[in-house]
Amino acid sequence: MLKPIVLFAVLAQASVAVMAQQPPAQVPDVHLQKCLLGTYDDRWTALRLSEDQLHRMRLVQSACREECEGAGVRKTNNPISNANGSTVLAEVKNILTTEQYTAWVAFCSEGPTSDPVK
């Protein structure tokens, strides 16, 4: 009688662990770039970035902001960048741990983003 209960508990716990490791929902790169510009220190603190990570993320945000708002930058139908954004987003992935990146993407998929293009 006890074996089925224990088996059920083990299976339930395993399924929760698997669900927690699901990759983040697919969020378009342009949305992630907007979210990057709208992610402030309080969010980075909540994600427990180290001082080094925080410094590096600020540099990436600054570079992204300059590209987006730079004088004379020709705008295309992609309001964030004339490029596809893969370089900026690759750098974000290099800076953040897998867990931090997953949590940041979840934040971006749920919350409002900054629109840097005025």
Protein backbone atom coordinates (compact mmCIF):
# COMPACT_ATOMS: atom_id res chain seq x y z
CA MET A 1 0.00 0.00 0.00
CA LEU A 2 2.85 2.38 0.81
CA LYS A 3 4.73 1.67 -2.45
CA PRO A 4 2.12 3.30 -4.76
CA ILE A 5 2.08 6.44 -2.60
CA VAL A 6 5.86 6.70 -2.59
CA LEU A 7 5.99 6.04 -6.34
CA PHE A 8 3.38 8.74 -6.97
CA ALA A 9 5.31 11.24 -4.83
CA VAL A 10 8.57 10.50 -6.67
CA LEU A 11 6.90 10.84 -10.08
CA ALA A 12 5.19 14.10 -9.08
CA GLN A 13 8.47 15.56 -7.85
CA ALA A 14 10.29 14.50 -11.01
CA SER A 15 7.65 16.06 -13.26
CA VAL A 16 7.90 19.36 -11.36
CA ALA A 17 11.68 19.33 -11.80
CA VAL A 18 11.34 18.70 -15.53
CA MET A 19 8.76 21.47 -15.92
CA ALA A 20 11.07 23.89 -14.09
CA GLN A 21 13.83 23.18 -16.61
CA GLN A 22 11.76 23.97 -19.67
CA PRO A 23 13.44 26.50 -21.96
CA PRO A 24 11.93 29.98 -21.96
CA ALA A 25 9.14 30.74 -24.37
CA GLN A 26 10.38 31.91 -27.74
CA VAL A 27 10.55 35.69 -27.55
CA PRO A 28 11.39 37.62 -30.74
CA ASP A 29 14.88 39.15 -30.77
CA VAL A 30 13.51 42.65 -31.36
CA HIS A 31 11.44 42.29 -28.19
CA LEU A 32 14.47 41.11 -26.23
CA GLN A 33 16.49 44.08 -27.48
CA LYS A 34 13.75 46.48 -26.35
CA CYS A 35 13.60 44.67 -23.05
CA LEU A 36 17.36 44.97 -22.66
CA LEU A 37 17.07 48.75 -22.86
CA GLY A 38 14.17 48.68 -20.40
CA THR A 39 15.87 46.43 -17.84
CA TYR A 40 17.06 48.50 -14.91
CA ASP A 41 19.36 47.80 -11.97
CA ASP A 42 16.54 46.56 -9.74
CA ARG A 43 15.82 43.73 -12.19
CA TRP A 44 19.51 42.86 -12.49
CA THR A 45 19.70 42.84 -8.68
CA ALA A 46 16.71 40.49 -8.53
CA LEU A 47 18.58 38.20 -10.94
CA ARG A 48 21.59 38.29 -8.57
CA LEU A 49 24.17 39.55 -11.02
CA SER A 50 27.69 39.89 -9.70
CA GLU A 51 29.37 43.32 -9.82
CA ASP A 52 31.30 42.19 -12.90
CA GLN A 53 28.14 40.96 -14.64
CA LEU A 54 26.32 44.19 -13.80
CA HIS A 55 29.17 46.29 -15.17
CA ARG A 56 29.28 44.25 -18.38
CA MET A 57 25.48 44.41 -18.82
CA ARG A 58 25.59 48.20 -18.48
CA LEU A 59 28.21 48.31 -21.24
CA VAL A 60 26.04 46.14 -23.49
CA GLN A 61 23.00 48.31 -22.76
CA SER A 62 25.00 51.43 -23.54
CA ALA A 63 26.24 49.99 -26.83
CA CYS A 64 22.72 48.93 -27.76
CA ARG A 65 21.35 52.36 -26.83
CA GLU A 66 23.99 54.14 -28.94
CA GLU A 67 23.18 51.98 -31.93
CA CYS A 68 19.46 52.58 -31.52
CA GLU A 69 19.54 56.30 -30.85
CA GLY A 70 22.72 57.36 -32.62
CA ALA A 71 22.54 60.45 -34.76
CA GLY A 72 22.11 59.66 -38.40
CA VAL A 73 21.32 56.01 -37.87
CA ARG A 74 19.10 54.88 -40.70
CA LYS A 75 16.00 53.22 -39.28
CA THR A 76 14.46 50.23 -40.95
CA ASN A 77 11.32 48.30 -40.08
CA ASN A 78 13.31 46.89 -37.12
CA PRO A 79 13.08 49.75 -34.59
CA ILE A 80 16.00 48.53 -32.51
CA SER A 81 18.82 47.86 -34.89
CA ASN A 82 19.70 47.73 -38.54
CA ALA A 83 21.40 44.45 -37.71
CA ASN A 84 19.53 41.38 -36.55
CA GLY A 85 20.64 41.88 -32.95
CA SER A 86 22.40 38.57 -32.72
CA THR A 87 25.65 40.15 -31.50
CA VAL A 88 24.02 42.04 -28.62
CA LEU A 89 21.91 39.08 -27.57
CA ALA A 90 24.87 36.71 -27.85
CA GLU A 91 26.79 38.98 -25.49
CA VAL A 92 23.87 38.95 -23.04
CA LYS A 93 23.93 35.14 -23.13
CA ASN A 94 27.69 35.17 -22.52
CA ILE A 95 27.37 37.45 -19.49
CA LEU A 96 24.39 35.85 -17.75
CA THR A 97 24.28 32.33 -16.39
CA THR A 98 21.75 29.97 -17.95
CA GLU A 99 19.42 30.45 -14.99
CA GLN A 100 19.76 34.25 -15.09
CA TYR A 101 19.16 34.35 -18.84
CA THR A 102 16.10 32.11 -18.55
CA ALA A 103 14.68 34.32 -15.78
CA TRP A 104 15.43 37.48 -17.78
CA VAL A 105 13.69 36.12 -20.91
CA ALA A 106 10.69 35.18 -18.74
CA PHE A 107 10.65 38.74 -17.38
CA CYS A 108 10.82 40.11 -20.93
CA SER A 109 8.00 37.88 -22.13
CA GLU A 110 5.73 39.02 -19.29
CA GLY A 111 6.52 42.65 -18.69
CA PRO A 112 6.44 45.89 -20.62
CA THR A 113 9.52 46.95 -22.53
CA SER A 114 11.09 50.28 -23.08
CA ASP A 115 10.68 51.73 -26.54
CA PRO A 116 13.97 53.51 -27.20
CA VAL A 117 12.88 54.85 -30.59
CA LYS A 118 11.18 58.17 -30.12
